[in-house]
Amino acid sequence: MVPYIRLMARFTHPRLEDVPLDLALHALADPNRLGMVARLAATERLRCTDAAPCESIPKSTLSNHLKLLRAAGLIETTQAGREMINTLRRAEFDRRFPGLLDAVLANRLA
């Protein structure tokens, strides 16, 4: 009998030094992704489904948004049991792009 092997999700989290400004700006340009970043900025961490700015976003679209935010170095996703938890990499991102996140969040449309 083959033992059951639980495969854990593996996420790529780039070093912020490797993230170009245009990728960071692209990630923050979409209103849905910006809403997700704003929700994460207001709280310490969120489950993947709680990060969505509205319930009408399909799971596949939400997954793509989270992938782009990870690629831009904005979030870190970890697995806690069956849940995927997202955390804003605020301090690291602010060191790489000083003031950018504050400026974008302060000027976003509600």
PDB file of N, CA and C in Angstrom:
ATOM      1  N   MET A   1       0.842  -1.168   0.000  1.00  0.00           N
ATOM      2  CA  MET A   1       0.000   0.000   0.000  1.00  0.00           C
ATOM      3  C   MET A   1       0.896   1.243   0.000  1.00  0.00           C
ATOM      4  N   VAL A   2       0.559   2.216  -0.821  1.00  0.00           N
ATOM      5  CA  VAL A   2       1.333   3.462  -0.930  1.00  0.00           C
ATOM      6  C   VAL A   2       0.855   4.420   0.156  1.00  0.00           C
ATOM      7  N   PRO A   3       1.780   4.946   0.968  1.00  0.00           N
ATOM      8  CA  PRO A   3       1.368   5.891   2.010  1.00  0.00           C
ATOM      9  C   PRO A   3       0.868   7.197   1.392  1.00  0.00           C
ATOM     10  N   TYR A   4      -0.080   7.793   2.078  1.00  0.00           N
ATOM     11  CA  TYR A   4      -0.630   9.073   1.632  1.00  0.00           C
ATOM     12  C   TYR A   4       0.407  10.162   1.859  1.00  0.00           C
ATOM     13  N   ILE A   5       0.684  10.914   0.827  1.00  0.00           N
ATOM     14  CA  ILE A   5       1.653  12.003   0.925  1.00  0.00           C
ATOM     15  C   ILE A   5       0.912  13.304   0.686  1.00  0.00           C
ATOM     16  N   ARG A   6       0.956  14.180   1.651  1.00  0.00           N
ATOM     17  CA  ARG A   6       0.317  15.497   1.536  1.00  0.00           C
ATOM     18  C   ARG A   6       1.299  16.446   0.881  1.00  0.00           C
ATOM     19  N   LEU A   7       0.926  16.958  -0.272  1.00  0.00           N
ATOM     20  CA  LEU A   7       1.777  17.910  -0.968  1.00  0.00           C
ATOM     21  C   LEU A   7       1.449  19.311  -0.487  1.00  0.00           C
ATOM     22  N   MET A   8       2.442  20.027  -0.041  1.00  0.00           N
ATOM     23  CA  MET A   8       2.238  21.390   0.429  1.00  0.00           C
ATOM     24  C   MET A   8       2.452  22.351  -0.728  1.00  0.00           C
ATOM     25  N   ALA A   9       1.672  23.394  -0.712  1.00  0.00           N
ATOM     26  CA  ALA A   9       1.818  24.420  -1.745  1.00  0.00           C
ATOM     27  C   ALA A   9       3.181  25.084  -1.589  1.00  0.00           C
ATOM     28  N   ARG A  10       3.789  25.370  -2.692  1.00  0.00           N
ATOM     29  CA  ARG A  10       5.073  26.078  -2.684  1.00  0.00           C
ATOM     30  C   ARG A  10       4.884  27.389  -3.421  1.00  0.00           C
ATOM     31  N   PHE A  11       5.265  28.453  -2.763  1.00  0.00           N
ATOM     32  CA  PHE A  11       5.111  29.771  -3.341  1.00  0.00           C
ATOM     33  C   PHE A  11       6.480  30.399  -3.514  1.00  0.00           C
ATOM     34  N   THR A  12       6.629  31.138  -4.595  1.00  0.00           N
ATOM     35  CA  THR A  12       7.872  31.846  -4.854  1.00  0.00           C
ATOM     36  C   THR A  12       7.744  33.261  -4.310  1.00  0.00           C
ATOM     37  N   HIS A  13       8.688  33.631  -3.459  1.00  0.00           N
ATOM     38  CA  HIS A  13       8.734  34.979  -2.897  1.00  0.00           C
ATOM     39  C   HIS A  13      10.085  35.576  -3.277  1.00  0.00           C
ATOM     40  N   PRO A  14      10.083  36.543  -4.183  1.00  0.00           N
ATOM     41  CA  PRO A  14      11.361  37.090  -4.655  1.00  0.00           C
ATOM     42  C   PRO A  14      12.056  37.935  -3.588  1.00  0.00           C
ATOM     43  N   ARG A  15      13.345  38.057  -3.751  1.00  0.00           N
ATOM     44  CA  ARG A  15      14.080  39.030  -2.933  1.00  0.00           C
ATOM     45  C   ARG A  15      13.660  40.399  -3.442  1.00  0.00           C
ATOM     46  N   LEU A  16      13.405  41.327  -2.530  1.00  0.00           N
ATOM     47  CA  LEU A  16      12.937  42.645  -2.953  1.00  0.00           C
ATOM     48  C   LEU A  16      13.973  43.373  -3.796  1.00  0.00           C
ATOM     49  N   GLU A  17      15.242  43.074  -3.598  1.00  0.00           N
ATOM     50  CA  GLU A  17      16.294  43.709  -4.394  1.00  0.00           C
ATOM     51  C   GLU A  17      16.166  43.348  -5.866  1.00  0.00           C
ATOM     52  N   ASP A  18      15.509  42.219  -6.149  1.00  0.00           N
ATOM     53  CA  ASP A  18      15.352  41.751  -7.526  1.00  0.00           C
ATOM     54  C   ASP A  18      14.073  42.250  -8.192  1.00  0.00           C
ATOM     55  N   VAL A  19      13.240  42.962  -7.447  1.00  0.00           N
ATOM     56  CA  VAL A  19      11.955  43.430  -7.984  1.00  0.00           C
ATOM     57  C   VAL A  19      12.145  44.817  -8.600  1.00  0.00           C
ATOM     58  N   PRO A  20      11.873  44.951  -9.911  1.00  0.00           N
ATOM     59  CA  PRO A  20      11.992  46.261 -10.541  1.00  0.00           C
ATOM     60  C   PRO A  20      10.776  47.138 -10.213  1.00  0.00           C
ATOM     61  N   LEU A  21      10.964  48.439 -10.290  1.00  0.00           N
ATOM     62  CA  LEU A  21       9.903  49.392  -9.986  1.00  0.00           C
ATOM     63  C   LEU A  21       8.678  49.181 -10.870  1.00  0.00           C
ATOM     64  N   ASP A  22       8.882  48.898 -12.158  1.00  0.00           N
ATOM     65  CA  ASP A  22       7.732  48.735 -13.053  1.00  0.00           C
ATOM     66  C   ASP A  22       6.851  47.557 -12.647  1.00  0.00           C
ATOM     67  N   LEU A  23       7.442  46.496 -12.120  1.00  0.00           N
ATOM     68  CA  LEU A  23       6.645  45.353 -11.661  1.00  0.00           C
ATOM     69  C   LEU A  23       5.843  45.730 -10.416  1.00  0.00           C
ATOM     70  N   ALA A  24       6.456  46.467  -9.510  1.00  0.00           N
ATOM     71  CA  ALA A  24       5.748  46.919  -8.308  1.00  0.00           C
ATOM     72  C   ALA A  24       4.590  47.838  -8.689  1.00  0.00           C
ATOM     73  N   LEU A  25       4.824  48.752  -9.606  1.00  0.00           N
ATOM     74  CA  LEU A  25       3.769  49.672 -10.033  1.00  0.00           C
ATOM     75  C   LEU A  25       2.655  48.931 -10.769  1.00  0.00           C
ATOM     76  N   HIS A  26       3.018  47.951 -11.583  1.00  0.00           N
ATOM     77  CA  HIS A  26       2.011  47.145 -12.291  1.00  0.00           C
ATOM     78  C   HIS A  26       1.113  46.418 -11.286  1.00  0.00           C
ATOM     79  N   ALA A  27       1.714  45.849 -10.255  1.00  0.00           N
ATOM     80  CA  ALA A  27       0.932  45.125  -9.251  1.00  0.00           C
ATOM     81  C   ALA A  27      -0.028  46.052  -8.517  1.00  0.00           C
ATOM     82  N   LEU A  28       0.392  47.282  -8.279  1.00  0.00           N
ATOM     83  CA  LEU A  28      -0.432  48.241  -7.541  1.00  0.00           C
ATOM     84  C   LEU A  28      -1.420  48.991  -8.443  1.00  0.00           C
ATOM     85  N   ALA A  29      -1.307  48.842  -9.750  1.00  0.00           N
ATOM     86  CA  ALA A  29      -2.145  49.595 -10.684  1.00  0.00           C
ATOM     87  C   ALA A  29      -3.571  49.051 -10.789  1.00  0.00           C
ATOM     88  N   ASP A  30      -3.757  47.783 -10.528  1.00  0.00           N
ATOM     89  CA  ASP A  30      -5.085  47.187 -10.644  1.00  0.00           C
ATOM     90  C   ASP A  30      -5.909  47.502  -9.393  1.00  0.00           C
ATOM     91  N   PRO A  31      -7.136  47.989  -9.552  1.00  0.00           N
ATOM     92  CA  PRO A  31      -7.961  48.343  -8.390  1.00  0.00           C
ATOM     93  C   PRO A  31      -8.237  47.170  -7.437  1.00  0.00           C
ATOM     94  N   ASN A  32      -8.394  45.964  -7.983  1.00  0.00           N
ATOM     95  CA  ASN A  32      -8.628  44.805  -7.116  1.00  0.00           C
ATOM     96  C   ASN A  32      -7.390  44.472  -6.292  1.00  0.00           C
ATOM     97  N   ARG A  33      -6.221  44.470  -6.943  1.00  0.00           N
ATOM     98  CA  ARG A  33      -4.992  44.176  -6.208  1.00  0.00           C
ATOM     99  C   ARG A  33      -4.702  45.270  -5.189  1.00  0.00           C
ATOM    100  N   LEU A  34      -4.947  46.504  -5.559  1.00  0.00           N
ATOM    101  CA  LEU A  34      -4.731  47.603  -4.625  1.00  0.00           C
ATOM    102  C   LEU A  34      -5.669  47.478  -3.423  1.00  0.00           C
ATOM    103  N   GLY A  35      -6.898  47.058  -3.668  1.00  0.00           N
ATOM    104  CA  GLY A  35      -7.831  46.809  -2.572  1.00  0.00           C
ATOM    105  C   GLY A  35      -7.349  45.699  -1.655  1.00  0.00           C
ATOM    106  N   MET A  36      -6.759  44.675  -2.247  1.00  0.00           N
ATOM    107  CA  MET A  36      -6.213  43.574  -1.451  1.00  0.00           C
ATOM    108  C   MET A  36      -5.053  44.062  -0.587  1.00  0.00           C
ATOM    109  N   VAL A  37      -4.182  44.875  -1.163  1.00  0.00           N
ATOM    110  CA  VAL A  37      -3.045  45.419  -0.412  1.00  0.00           C
ATOM    111  C   VAL A  37      -3.548  46.321   0.719  1.00  0.00           C
ATOM    112  N   ALA A  38      -4.585  47.118   0.434  1.00  0.00           N
ATOM    113  CA  ALA A  38      -5.152  47.995   1.465  1.00  0.00           C
ATOM    114  C   ALA A  38      -5.730  47.174   2.618  1.00  0.00           C
ATOM    115  N   ARG A  39      -6.404  46.088   2.299  1.00  0.00           N
ATOM    116  CA  ARG A  39      -6.950  45.223   3.361  1.00  0.00           C
ATOM    117  C   ARG A  39      -5.833  44.601   4.175  1.00  0.00           C
ATOM    118  N   LEU A  40      -4.765  44.187   3.501  1.00  0.00           N
ATOM    119  CA  LEU A  40      -3.637  43.606   4.225  1.00  0.00           C
ATOM    120  C   LEU A  40      -2.903  44.657   5.060  1.00  0.00           C
ATOM    121  N   ALA A  41      -2.858  45.892   4.572  1.00  0.00           N
ATOM    122  CA  ALA A  41      -2.207  46.968   5.321  1.00  0.00           C
ATOM    123  C   ALA A  41      -2.978  47.294   6.595  1.00  0.00           C
ATOM    124  N   ALA A  42      -4.293  47.081   6.572  1.00  0.00           N
ATOM    125  CA  ALA A  42      -5.131  47.396   7.726  1.00  0.00           C
ATOM    126  C   ALA A  42      -5.143  46.281   8.773  1.00  0.00           C
ATOM    127  N   THR A  43      -4.665  45.115   8.414  1.00  0.00           N
ATOM    128  CA  THR A  43      -4.641  43.992   9.348  1.00  0.00           C
ATOM    129  C   THR A  43      -3.316  43.269   9.217  1.00  0.00           C
ATOM    130  N   GLU A  44      -3.010  42.440  10.147  1.00  0.00           N
ATOM    131  CA  GLU A  44      -1.706  41.770  10.136  1.00  0.00           C
ATOM    132  C   GLU A  44      -1.602  40.706   9.055  1.00  0.00           C
ATOM    133  N   ARG A  45      -2.616  39.867   8.946  1.00  0.00           N
ATOM    134  CA  ARG A  45      -2.599  38.781   7.975  1.00  0.00           C
ATOM    135  C   ARG A  45      -4.016  38.361   7.649  1.00  0.00           C
ATOM    136  N   LEU A  46      -4.188  37.820   6.455  1.00  0.00           N
ATOM    137  CA  LEU A  46      -5.516  37.403   5.995  1.00  0.00           C
ATOM    138  C   LEU A  46      -5.439  36.067   5.277  1.00  0.00           C
ATOM    139  N   ARG A  47      -6.519  35.304   5.380  1.00  0.00           N
ATOM    140  CA  ARG A  47      -6.632  34.105   4.559  1.00  0.00           C
ATOM    141  C   ARG A  47      -6.813  34.557   3.116  1.00  0.00           C
ATOM    142  N   CYS A  48      -6.482  33.711   2.188  1.00  0.00           N
ATOM    143  CA  CYS A  48      -6.589  34.070   0.765  1.00  0.00           C
ATOM    144  C   CYS A  48      -7.976  34.565   0.408  1.00  0.00           C
ATOM    145  N   THR A  49      -9.002  33.861   0.839  1.00  0.00           N
ATOM    146  CA  THR A  49     -10.363  34.257   0.472  1.00  0.00           C
ATOM    147  C   THR A  49     -10.774  35.564   1.132  1.00  0.00           C
ATOM    148  N   ASP A  50     -10.208  35.896   2.285  1.00  0.00           N
ATOM    149  CA  ASP A  50     -10.534  37.150   2.964  1.00  0.00           C
ATOM    150  C   ASP A  50      -9.798  38.342   2.363  1.00  0.00           C
ATOM    151  N   ALA A  51      -8.792  38.087   1.567  1.00  0.00           N
ATOM    152  CA  ALA A  51      -8.006  39.174   0.969  1.00  0.00           C
ATOM    153  C   ALA A  51      -8.749  39.851  -0.177  1.00  0.00           C
ATOM    154  N   ALA A  52      -9.704  39.161  -0.759  1.00  0.00           N
ATOM    155  CA  ALA A  52     -10.435  39.714  -1.906  1.00  0.00           C
ATOM    156  C   ALA A  52     -11.232  40.939  -1.488  1.00  0.00           C
ATOM    157  N   PRO A  53     -11.188  41.997  -2.292  1.00  0.00           N
ATOM    158  CA  PRO A  53     -11.952  43.194  -1.956  1.00  0.00           C
ATOM    159  C   PRO A  53     -13.459  43.013  -2.090  1.00  0.00           C
ATOM    160  N   CYS A  54     -13.884  41.985  -2.820  1.00  0.00           N
ATOM    161  CA  CYS A  54     -15.315  41.679  -2.917  1.00  0.00           C
ATOM    162  C   CYS A  54     -15.470  40.188  -3.192  1.00  0.00           C
ATOM    163  N   GLU A  55     -16.645  39.646  -2.867  1.00  0.00           N
ATOM    164  CA  GLU A  55     -16.888  38.209  -3.022  1.00  0.00           C
ATOM    165  C   GLU A  55     -17.109  37.792  -4.475  1.00  0.00           C
ATOM    166  N   SER A  56     -17.310  38.739  -5.369  1.00  0.00           N
ATOM    167  CA  SER A  56     -17.647  38.395  -6.748  1.00  0.00           C
ATOM    168  C   SER A  56     -16.430  38.028  -7.606  1.00  0.00           C
ATOM    169  N   ILE A  57     -15.249  38.080  -7.055  1.00  0.00           N
ATOM    170  CA  ILE A  57     -14.053  37.714  -7.817  1.00  0.00           C
ATOM    171  C   ILE A  57     -13.935  36.190  -7.861  1.00  0.00           C
ATOM    172  N   PRO A  58     -13.880  35.598  -9.055  1.00  0.00           N
ATOM    173  CA  PRO A  58     -13.697  34.143  -9.154  1.00  0.00           C
ATOM    174  C   PRO A  58     -12.379  33.712  -8.518  1.00  0.00           C
ATOM    175  N   LYS A  59     -12.345  32.487  -8.009  1.00  0.00           N
ATOM    176  CA  LYS A  59     -11.143  31.982  -7.337  1.00  0.00           C
ATOM    177  C   LYS A  59      -9.924  32.016  -8.255  1.00  0.00           C
ATOM    178  N   SER A  60     -10.120  31.713  -9.530  1.00  0.00           N
ATOM    179  CA  SER A  60      -8.985  31.711 -10.456  1.00  0.00           C
ATOM    180  C   SER A  60      -8.416  33.116 -10.627  1.00  0.00           C
ATOM    181  N   THR A  61      -9.287  34.120 -10.660  1.00  0.00           N
ATOM    182  CA  THR A  61      -8.837  35.511 -10.775  1.00  0.00           C
ATOM    183  C   THR A  61      -8.147  35.945  -9.492  1.00  0.00           C
ATOM    184  N   LEU A  62      -8.715  35.578  -8.354  1.00  0.00           N
ATOM    185  CA  LEU A  62      -8.097  35.887  -7.066  1.00  0.00           C
ATOM    186  C   LEU A  62      -6.712  35.270  -6.978  1.00  0.00           C
ATOM    187  N   SER A  63      -6.591  34.031  -7.408  1.00  0.00           N
ATOM    188  CA  SER A  63      -5.303  33.340  -7.394  1.00  0.00           C
ATOM    189  C   SER A  63      -4.280  34.069  -8.264  1.00  0.00           C
ATOM    190  N   ASN A  64      -4.708  34.541  -9.419  1.00  0.00           N
ATOM    191  CA  ASN A  64      -3.808  35.277 -10.310  1.00  0.00           C
ATOM    192  C   ASN A  64      -3.378  36.603  -9.676  1.00  0.00           C
ATOM    193  N   HIS A  65      -4.315  37.309  -9.057  1.00  0.00           N
ATOM    194  CA  HIS A  65      -3.973  38.564  -8.379  1.00  0.00           C
ATOM    195  C   HIS A  65      -2.940  38.311  -7.277  1.00  0.00           C
ATOM    196  N   LEU A  66      -3.143  37.267  -6.492  1.00  0.00           N
ATOM    197  CA  LEU A  66      -2.202  36.952  -5.411  1.00  0.00           C
ATOM    198  C   LEU A  66      -0.830  36.582  -5.977  1.00  0.00           C
ATOM    199  N   LYS A  67      -0.818  35.868  -7.085  1.00  0.00           N
ATOM    200  CA  LYS A  67       0.450  35.494  -7.729  1.00  0.00           C
ATOM    201  C   LYS A  67       1.213  36.751  -8.167  1.00  0.00           C
ATOM    202  N   LEU A  68       0.507  37.722  -8.746  1.00  0.00           N
ATOM    203  CA  LEU A  68       1.156  38.969  -9.169  1.00  0.00           C
ATOM    204  C   LEU A  68       1.666  39.776  -7.980  1.00  0.00           C
ATOM    205  N   LEU A  69       0.902  39.802  -6.901  1.00  0.00           N
ATOM    206  CA  LEU A  69       1.350  40.514  -5.702  1.00  0.00           C
ATOM    207  C   LEU A  69       2.578  39.847  -5.085  1.00  0.00           C
ATOM    208  N   ARG A  70       2.622  38.516  -5.114  1.00  0.00           N
ATOM    209  CA  ARG A  70       3.809  37.800  -4.624  1.00  0.00           C
ATOM    210  C   ARG A  70       5.011  38.099  -5.505  1.00  0.00           C
ATOM    211  N   ALA A  71       4.819  38.074  -6.823  1.00  0.00           N
ATOM    212  CA  ALA A  71       5.922  38.320  -7.762  1.00  0.00           C
ATOM    213  C   ALA A  71       6.497  39.724  -7.604  1.00  0.00           C
ATOM    214  N   ALA A  72       5.652  40.668  -7.205  1.00  0.00           N
ATOM    215  CA  ALA A  72       6.104  42.047  -7.009  1.00  0.00           C
ATOM    216  C   ALA A  72       6.696  42.256  -5.617  1.00  0.00           C
ATOM    217  N   GLY A  73       6.715  41.203  -4.812  1.00  0.00           N
ATOM    218  CA  GLY A  73       7.300  41.304  -3.485  1.00  0.00           C
ATOM    219  C   GLY A  73       6.422  41.978  -2.453  1.00  0.00           C
ATOM    220  N   LEU A  74       5.145  42.153  -2.762  1.00  0.00           N
ATOM    221  CA  LEU A  74       4.245  42.836  -1.838  1.00  0.00           C
ATOM    222  C   LEU A  74       3.692  41.939  -0.744  1.00  0.00           C
ATOM    223  N   ILE A  75       3.473  40.671  -1.055  1.00  0.00           N
ATOM    224  CA  ILE A  75       2.903  39.779  -0.052  1.00  0.00           C
ATOM    225  C   ILE A  75       3.724  38.505   0.079  1.00  0.00           C
ATOM    226  N   GLU A  76       3.537  37.863   1.217  1.00  0.00           N
ATOM    227  CA  GLU A  76       4.109  36.548   1.459  1.00  0.00           C
ATOM    228  C   GLU A  76       2.949  35.625   1.792  1.00  0.00           C
ATOM    229  N   THR A  77       2.910  34.468   1.162  1.00  0.00           N
ATOM    230  CA  THR A  77       1.839  33.506   1.401  1.00  0.00           C
ATOM    231  C   THR A  77       2.437  32.276   2.066  1.00  0.00           C
ATOM    232  N   THR A  78       1.828  31.869   3.170  1.00  0.00           N
ATOM    233  CA  THR A  78       2.256  30.666   3.886  1.00  0.00           C
ATOM    234  C   THR A  78       1.048  29.766   4.080  1.00  0.00           C
ATOM    235  N   GLN A  79       1.336  28.505   4.298  1.00  0.00           N
ATOM    236  CA  GLN A  79       0.268  27.545   4.513  1.00  0.00           C
ATOM    237  C   GLN A  79       0.157  27.257   5.995  1.00  0.00           C
ATOM    238  N   ALA A  80      -1.069  27.296   6.514  1.00  0.00           N
ATOM    239  CA  ALA A  80      -1.364  26.951   7.900  1.00  0.00           C
ATOM    240  C   ALA A  80      -2.491  25.923   7.861  1.00  0.00           C
ATOM    241  N   GLY A  81      -2.122  24.661   7.884  1.00  0.00           N
ATOM    242  CA  GLY A  81      -3.116  23.605   7.724  1.00  0.00           C
ATOM    243  C   GLY A  81      -3.654  23.631   6.312  1.00  0.00           C
ATOM    244  N   ARG A  82      -4.961  23.797   6.183  1.00  0.00           N
ATOM    245  CA  ARG A  82      -5.580  23.858   4.856  1.00  0.00           C
ATOM    246  C   ARG A  82      -5.738  25.290   4.374  1.00  0.00           C
ATOM    247  N   GLU A  83      -5.396  26.240   5.203  1.00  0.00           N
ATOM    248  CA  GLU A  83      -5.545  27.659   4.873  1.00  0.00           C
ATOM    249  C   GLU A  83      -4.259  28.224   4.277  1.00  0.00           C
ATOM    250  N   MET A  84      -4.415  29.161   3.356  1.00  0.00           N
ATOM    251  CA  MET A  84      -3.298  29.928   2.834  1.00  0.00           C
ATOM    252  C   MET A  84      -3.401  31.319   3.457  1.00  0.00           C
ATOM    253  N   ILE A  85      -2.345  31.742   4.114  1.00  0.00           N
ATOM    254  CA  ILE A  85      -2.345  33.014   4.835  1.00  0.00           C
ATOM    255  C   ILE A  85      -1.430  33.999   4.107  1.00  0.00           C
ATOM    256  N   ASN A  86      -1.942  35.202   3.870  1.00  0.00           N
ATOM    257  CA  ASN A  86      -1.178  36.259   3.208  1.00  0.00           C
ATOM    258  C   ASN A  86      -0.775  37.322   4.220  1.00  0.00           C
ATOM    259  N   THR A  87       0.450  37.765   4.087  1.00  0.00           N
ATOM    260  CA  THR A  87       0.988  38.821   4.941  1.00  0.00           C
ATOM    261  C   THR A  87       1.630  39.867   4.041  1.00  0.00           C
ATOM    262  N   LEU A  88       1.381  41.124   4.340  1.00  0.00           N
ATOM    263  CA  LEU A  88       2.001  42.215   3.590  1.00  0.00           C
ATOM    264  C   LEU A  88       3.462  42.338   4.013  1.00  0.00           C
ATOM    265  N   ARG A  89       4.362  42.384   3.043  1.00  0.00           N
ATOM    266  CA  ARG A  89       5.797  42.531   3.327  1.00  0.00           C
ATOM    267  C   ARG A  89       6.125  44.027   3.419  1.00  0.00           C
ATOM    268  N   ARG A  90       5.433  44.711   4.287  1.00  0.00           N
ATOM    269  CA  ARG A  90       5.469  46.176   4.366  1.00  0.00           C
ATOM    270  C   ARG A  90       6.867  46.727   4.626  1.00  0.00           C
ATOM    271  N   ALA A  91       7.526  46.250   5.666  1.00  0.00           N
ATOM    272  CA  ALA A  91       8.839  46.802   6.034  1.00  0.00           C
ATOM    273  C   ALA A  91       9.863  46.583   4.917  1.00  0.00           C
ATOM    274  N   GLU A  92       9.881  45.385   4.355  1.00  0.00           N
ATOM    275  CA  GLU A  92      10.820  45.088   3.272  1.00  0.00           C
ATOM    276  C   GLU A  92      10.522  45.933   2.039  1.00  0.00           C
ATOM    277  N   PHE A  93       9.230  46.032   1.696  1.00  0.00           N
ATOM    278  CA  PHE A  93       8.829  46.800   0.517  1.00  0.00           C
ATOM    279  C   PHE A  93       9.159  48.277   0.695  1.00  0.00           C
ATOM    280  N   ASP A  94       8.925  48.794   1.903  1.00  0.00           N
ATOM    281  CA  ASP A  94       9.230  50.207   2.179  1.00  0.00           C
ATOM    282  C   ASP A  94      10.729  50.494   2.107  1.00  0.00           C
ATOM    283  N   ARG A  95      11.540  49.522   2.509  1.00  0.00           N
ATOM    284  CA  ARG A  95      12.999  49.721   2.376  1.00  0.00           C
ATOM    285  C   ARG A  95      13.415  49.764   0.915  1.00  0.00           C
ATOM    286  N   ARG A  96      12.775  48.936   0.086  1.00  0.00           N
ATOM    287  CA  ARG A  96      13.123  48.870  -1.339  1.00  0.00           C
ATOM    288  C   ARG A  96      12.583  50.086  -2.098  1.00  0.00           C
ATOM    289  N   PHE A  97      11.337  50.465  -1.800  1.00  0.00           N
ATOM    290  CA  PHE A  97      10.691  51.585  -2.482  1.00  0.00           C
ATOM    291  C   PHE A  97      10.131  52.552  -1.431  1.00  0.00           C
ATOM    292  N   PRO A  98      10.980  53.366  -0.828  1.00  0.00           N
ATOM    293  CA  PRO A  98      10.545  54.242   0.266  1.00  0.00           C
ATOM    294  C   PRO A  98       9.391  55.164  -0.144  1.00  0.00           C
ATOM    295  N   GLY A  99       8.329  55.136   0.643  1.00  0.00           N
ATOM    296  CA  GLY A  99       7.200  56.023   0.439  1.00  0.00           C
ATOM    297  C   GLY A  99       6.213  55.613  -0.637  1.00  0.00           C
ATOM    298  N   LEU A 100       6.558  54.655  -1.485  1.00  0.00           N
ATOM    299  CA  LEU A 100       5.678  54.281  -2.600  1.00  0.00           C
ATOM    300  C   LEU A 100       4.343  53.733  -2.108  1.00  0.00           C
ATOM    301  N   LEU A 101       4.389  52.779  -1.219  1.00  0.00           N
ATOM    302  CA  LEU A 101       3.150  52.157  -0.762  1.00  0.00           C
ATOM    303  C   LEU A 101       2.278  53.161  -0.005  1.00  0.00           C
ATOM    304  N   ASP A 102       2.882  53.992   0.822  1.00  0.00           N
ATOM    305  CA  ASP A 102       2.116  55.020   1.531  1.00  0.00           C
ATOM    306  C   ASP A 102       1.434  55.965   0.552  1.00  0.00           C
ATOM    307  N   ALA A 103       2.155  56.397  -0.471  1.00  0.00           N
ATOM    308  CA  ALA A 103       1.600  57.327  -1.451  1.00  0.00           C
ATOM    309  C   ALA A 103       0.456  56.708  -2.246  1.00  0.00           C
ATOM    310  N   VAL A 104       0.636  55.469  -2.667  1.00  0.00           N
ATOM    311  CA  VAL A 104      -0.395  54.800  -3.457  1.00  0.00           C
ATOM    312  C   VAL A 104      -1.636  54.537  -2.600  1.00  0.00           C
ATOM    313  N   LEU A 105      -1.453  54.063  -1.380  1.00  0.00           N
ATOM    314  CA  LEU A 105      -2.599  53.791  -0.517  1.00  0.00           C
ATOM    315  C   LEU A 105      -3.328  55.075  -0.114  1.00  0.00           C
ATOM    316  N   ALA A 106      -2.596  56.150   0.105  1.00  0.00           N
ATOM    317  CA  ALA A 106      -3.219  57.422   0.495  1.00  0.00           C
ATOM    318  C   ALA A 106      -4.024  58.038  -0.646  1.00  0.00           C
ATOM    319  N   ASN A 107      -3.669  57.719  -1.876  1.00  0.00           N
ATOM    320  CA  ASN A 107      -4.336  58.312  -3.034  1.00  0.00           C
ATOM    321  C   ASN A 107      -5.269  57.365  -3.767  1.00  0.00           C
ATOM    322  N   ARG A 108      -5.513  56.208  -3.210  1.00  0.00           N
ATOM    323  CA  ARG A 108      -6.386  55.251  -3.898  1.00  0.00           C
ATOM    324  C   ARG A 108      -7.838  55.679  -3.765  1.00  0.00           C
ATOM    325  N   LEU A 109      -8.610  55.327  -4.762  1.00  0.00           N
ATOM    326  CA  LEU A 109     -10.039  55.617  -4.748  1.00  0.00           C
ATOM    327  C   LEU A 109     -10.734  54.529  -3.943  1.00  0.00           C
ATOM    328  N   ALA A 110     -11.601  54.909  -3.079  1.00  0.00           N
ATOM    329  CA  ALA A 110     -12.303  53.942  -2.214  1.00  0.00           C
ATOM    330  C   ALA A 110     -13.296  53.104  -2.971  1.00  0.00           C
TER     331      ALA A 110
END
